[in-house]
Amino acid sequence: MLLYLHEEKSKDVAKKRLQVVLVHDRINLPPRYMDNVKDDMLKAISTYMEVNEHQTQINLTRNQNVLSLVAVIPINRVKRGMEPALPTE
């Protein structure tokens, strides 16, 4: 029974990975594009939080006609005293 559950879970993971590959292929992104997006996001977030870059996942998904950027960025800690600069008018 446990083996069946493990196989089912692996199947679901493989299906999700294939969906991500298909979305990237359909919108015709250069190979380094998502890596650059990830690097830029981590650079901005790292100003305010210590993040786990190795466990960060950034993907594009498509539901119906909506393309979404989905990011999972594990936060190790929030950097205190890092107040964002307010825009001046």
Protein backbone atom coordinates (compact mmCIF):
# COMPACT_ATOMS: atom_id res chain seq x y z
CA MET A 1 0.00 0.00 0.00
CA LEU A 2 2.82 2.43 0.82
CA LEU A 3 4.51 1.71 -2.49
CA TYR A 4 1.31 2.63 -4.33
CA LEU A 5 1.06 5.96 -2.48
CA HIS A 6 4.67 6.75 -3.29
CA GLU A 7 4.15 5.97 -6.99
CA GLU A 8 1.05 8.15 -7.09
CA LYS A 9 2.92 11.03 -5.51
CA SER A 10 5.82 10.67 -7.96
CA LYS A 11 3.34 10.66 -10.83
CA ASP A 12 1.80 13.92 -9.58
CA VAL A 13 5.21 15.55 -9.22
CA ALA A 14 6.21 14.48 -12.72
CA LYS A 15 2.93 15.82 -14.11
CA LYS A 16 3.48 19.22 -12.47
CA ARG A 17 7.04 19.40 -13.79
CA LEU A 18 5.85 18.60 -17.29
CA GLN A 19 3.20 21.33 -17.04
CA VAL A 20 5.88 23.85 -16.05
CA VAL A 21 8.09 22.81 -18.97
CA LEU A 22 5.16 23.10 -21.38
CA VAL A 23 4.23 26.58 -20.14
CA HIS A 24 7.83 27.80 -20.52
CA ASP A 25 8.00 26.27 -23.99
CA ARG A 26 4.70 27.78 -25.13
CA ILE A 27 5.62 31.32 -24.10
CA ASN A 28 9.02 30.92 -25.79
CA LEU A 29 11.33 32.12 -22.99
CA PRO A 30 15.10 32.01 -23.40
CA PRO A 31 16.71 29.36 -21.14
CA ARG A 32 18.25 31.86 -18.68
CA TYR A 33 15.15 34.03 -18.38
CA MET A 34 13.68 32.38 -15.27
CA ASP A 35 17.13 32.22 -13.65
CA ASN A 36 17.46 35.99 -14.14
CA VAL A 37 13.97 36.58 -12.70
CA LYS A 38 14.86 34.43 -9.68
CA ASP A 39 18.18 36.25 -9.14
CA ASP A 40 16.52 39.68 -9.33
CA MET A 41 13.74 38.69 -6.93
CA LEU A 42 16.19 37.22 -4.41
CA LYS A 43 18.38 40.32 -4.59
CA ALA A 44 15.40 42.58 -3.81
CA ILE A 45 13.99 40.38 -1.03
CA SER A 46 17.43 39.84 0.55
CA THR A 47 17.52 43.51 1.49
CA TYR A 48 14.79 42.85 4.05
CA MET A 49 14.98 39.11 4.76
CA GLU A 50 17.51 36.32 4.93
CA VAL A 51 16.31 33.70 2.45
CA ASN A 52 17.26 30.14 1.58
CA GLU A 53 18.32 30.53 -2.04
CA HIS A 54 18.90 26.79 -2.57
CA GLN A 55 15.30 25.87 -1.75
CA THR A 56 13.75 28.74 -3.70
CA GLN A 57 11.43 27.71 -6.53
CA ILE A 58 10.07 30.07 -9.17
CA ASN A 59 7.75 28.83 -11.90
CA LEU A 60 5.26 30.05 -14.43
CA THR A 61 1.85 28.42 -14.46
CA ARG A 62 -1.15 28.85 -16.71
CA ASN A 63 -4.73 28.47 -15.52
CA GLN A 64 -7.25 29.08 -18.27
CA ASN A 65 -6.02 32.31 -19.91
CA VAL A 66 -4.00 33.66 -16.96
CA LEU A 67 -0.23 33.30 -16.82
CA SER A 68 1.06 33.48 -13.22
CA LEU A 69 4.47 33.66 -11.61
CA VAL A 70 4.54 31.38 -8.56
CA ALA A 71 7.42 31.77 -6.10
CA VAL A 72 8.25 29.68 -3.06
CA ILE A 73 11.00 31.51 -1.16
CA PRO A 74 11.84 30.07 2.26
CA ILE A 75 12.56 32.88 4.75
CA ASN A 76 15.22 32.15 7.39
CA ARG A 77 14.74 35.42 9.27
CA VAL A 78 13.52 38.98 8.85
CA LYS A 79 16.20 41.67 9.07
CA ARG A 80 15.05 44.18 11.67
CA GLY A 81 15.68 47.89 11.24
CA MET A 82 15.46 47.69 7.46
CA GLU A 83 12.76 50.24 6.78
CA PRO A 84 12.02 50.78 3.10
CA ALA A 85 12.66 54.26 1.77
CA LEU A 86 9.43 56.12 1.07
CA PRO A 87 9.16 57.75 -2.35
CA THR A 88 9.51 61.52 -2.34
CA GLU A 89 7.19 63.64 -4.38
